[in-house]
Amino acid sequence: MRASPKGRCEGQAAVELALVLPLVALLLLALVQLGFLVRDEVLVVHAAREGVRQAAVDPSVDATKRAAAGSSTLASDRLQISMTGRGGPGSHVRVTVTYRAPTNVPLVGAAIGDVDMHASATMRVER
């Protein structure tokens, strides 16, 4: 860097940008990954609610699992659905959805690893 007549160094901004840019890029990638994880969490809660709605009107475990899995774009091979408490009308049924969310964003995803998400919903059995 050479000094200008006013005593300032030329190229200082370029050096500072070169030092800070990787950190800014990493923060942006982390923000994108966080957005994907929040989306998956919302979908897991939605799947649990859809599953328990189906379980409240139909005693079939398969119908409950189909309703929960079909309600979202979650990968079915990473999704586990369980149902407990099915009784007669007036009793309660509980559906629990567990999902292993992938973290595929470069650099950040490898550092975090897959995230386990859980959601449960309970509803009164109608018939």
Protein backbone atom coordinates (compact mmCIF):
# COMPACT_ATOMS: atom_id res chain seq x y z
CA MET A 1 0.00 0.00 0.00
CA ARG A 2 1.30 3.40 -0.76
CA ALA A 3 0.46 6.53 1.11
CA SER A 4 -1.49 9.18 -0.70
CA PRO A 5 -0.68 12.87 -0.35
CA LYS A 6 -3.27 13.21 2.42
CA GLY A 7 -1.70 10.41 4.47
CA ARG A 8 -4.29 7.70 3.76
CA CYS A 9 -3.48 4.19 2.63
CA GLU A 10 -4.97 3.06 -0.67
CA GLY A 11 -6.41 -0.44 -0.81
CA GLN A 12 -7.38 -0.60 2.85
CA ALA A 13 -11.05 -1.18 2.02
CA ALA A 14 -10.18 -4.08 -0.29
CA VAL A 15 -8.14 -5.77 2.42
CA GLU A 16 -10.88 -5.30 4.99
CA LEU A 17 -13.46 -6.72 2.57
CA ALA A 18 -11.24 -9.73 1.91
CA LEU A 19 -10.98 -10.37 5.66
CA VAL A 20 -14.68 -9.91 6.47
CA LEU A 21 -16.33 -11.46 3.40
CA PRO A 22 -15.84 -15.11 4.45
CA LEU A 23 -17.45 -14.39 7.82
CA VAL A 24 -20.41 -12.64 6.20
CA ALA A 25 -20.84 -15.53 3.75
CA LEU A 26 -20.77 -18.05 6.61
CA LEU A 27 -23.37 -16.07 8.54
CA LEU A 28 -25.63 -15.94 5.47
CA LEU A 29 -25.32 -19.71 5.00
CA ALA A 30 -26.18 -20.23 8.68
CA LEU A 31 -29.25 -18.03 8.25
CA VAL A 32 -30.39 -20.07 5.24
CA GLN A 33 -29.93 -23.31 7.20
CA LEU A 34 -31.91 -21.89 10.11
CA GLY A 35 -34.73 -21.02 7.72
CA PHE A 36 -34.84 -24.61 6.45
CA LEU A 37 -34.94 -25.97 10.00
CA VAL A 38 -37.76 -23.62 11.01
CA ARG A 39 -39.73 -24.69 7.93
CA ASP A 40 -39.24 -28.36 8.82
CA GLU A 41 -40.36 -27.73 12.41
CA VAL A 42 -43.57 -26.10 11.19
CA LEU A 43 -44.19 -29.06 8.86
CA VAL A 44 -43.64 -31.55 11.69
CA VAL A 45 -46.21 -29.77 13.86
CA HIS A 46 -48.62 -29.70 10.92
CA ALA A 47 -48.12 -33.44 10.31
CA ALA A 48 -48.90 -34.20 13.97
CA ARG A 49 -52.10 -32.15 13.82
CA GLU A 50 -53.25 -33.79 10.60
CA GLY A 51 -52.50 -37.24 12.00
CA VAL A 52 -54.47 -36.64 15.20
CA ARG A 53 -57.43 -35.24 13.24
CA GLN A 54 -57.55 -38.46 11.25
CA ALA A 55 -57.10 -40.59 14.37
CA ALA A 56 -60.01 -38.84 16.08
CA VAL A 57 -62.46 -40.07 13.42
CA ASP A 58 -60.84 -43.30 12.17
CA PRO A 59 -59.34 -45.99 14.45
CA SER A 60 -57.00 -47.24 11.70
CA VAL A 61 -53.33 -46.69 12.49
CA ASP A 62 -52.47 -46.89 8.79
CA ALA A 63 -54.95 -44.12 7.92
CA THR A 64 -53.46 -41.97 10.65
CA LYS A 65 -49.93 -42.50 9.36
CA ARG A 66 -50.98 -41.80 5.76
CA ALA A 67 -52.73 -38.57 6.80
CA ALA A 68 -49.71 -37.35 8.77
CA ALA A 69 -47.14 -38.30 6.14
CA GLY A 70 -49.21 -37.02 3.22
CA SER A 71 -49.87 -33.62 4.76
CA SER A 72 -46.43 -32.20 4.05
CA THR A 73 -43.33 -32.42 1.89
CA LEU A 74 -41.23 -34.07 4.59
CA ALA A 75 -39.10 -37.01 3.46
CA SER A 76 -41.02 -40.15 4.42
CA ASP A 77 -37.85 -42.16 5.09
CA ARG A 78 -36.90 -39.70 7.86
CA LEU A 79 -40.40 -39.58 9.39
CA GLN A 80 -41.73 -41.70 12.27
CA ILE A 81 -45.36 -41.54 13.39
CA SER A 82 -46.85 -43.18 16.48
CA MET A 83 -50.36 -43.17 17.91
CA THR A 84 -51.37 -43.87 21.52
CA GLY A 85 -54.53 -43.80 23.59
CA ARG A 86 -57.18 -44.82 21.06
CA GLY A 87 -60.35 -45.70 22.96
CA GLY A 88 -64.07 -45.18 22.59
CA PRO A 89 -65.83 -41.88 21.93
CA GLY A 90 -64.85 -39.22 24.43
CA SER A 91 -61.41 -40.66 25.14
CA HIS A 92 -58.23 -39.01 23.89
CA VAL A 93 -55.81 -40.03 21.17
CA ARG A 94 -52.27 -38.72 20.84
CA VAL A 95 -50.14 -38.70 17.69
CA THR A 96 -46.40 -38.11 17.91
CA VAL A 97 -44.31 -37.27 14.85
CA THR A 98 -40.52 -37.51 14.89
CA TYR A 99 -38.46 -36.22 12.00
CA ARG A 100 -34.71 -36.21 11.43
CA ALA A 101 -34.21 -32.94 9.53
CA PRO A 102 -31.30 -32.90 7.10
CA THR A 103 -28.82 -30.06 7.14
CA ASN A 104 -27.63 -29.80 3.55
CA VAL A 105 -26.38 -26.22 3.36
CA PRO A 106 -22.65 -26.23 2.51
CA LEU A 107 -20.21 -25.70 5.39
CA VAL A 108 -22.91 -25.02 7.98
CA GLY A 109 -24.82 -28.29 7.47
CA ALA A 110 -21.73 -30.41 7.95
CA ALA A 111 -20.89 -28.56 11.17
CA ILE A 112 -24.38 -28.93 12.66
CA GLY A 113 -25.38 -32.42 11.57
CA ASP A 114 -28.96 -33.68 11.24
CA VAL A 115 -31.48 -32.32 13.76
CA ASP A 116 -34.17 -34.41 15.48
CA MET A 117 -37.58 -32.75 15.69
CA HIS A 118 -40.62 -33.91 17.65
CA ALA A 119 -44.22 -32.78 17.76
CA SER A 120 -47.28 -34.24 19.48
CA ALA A 121 -50.96 -33.46 19.25
CA THR A 122 -53.86 -34.73 21.34
CA MET A 123 -57.54 -34.73 20.41
CA ARG A 124 -60.79 -36.20 21.72
CA VAL A 125 -62.07 -39.26 19.83
CA GLU A 126 -65.32 -38.48 18.04
CA ARG A 127 -66.54 -41.94 17.11
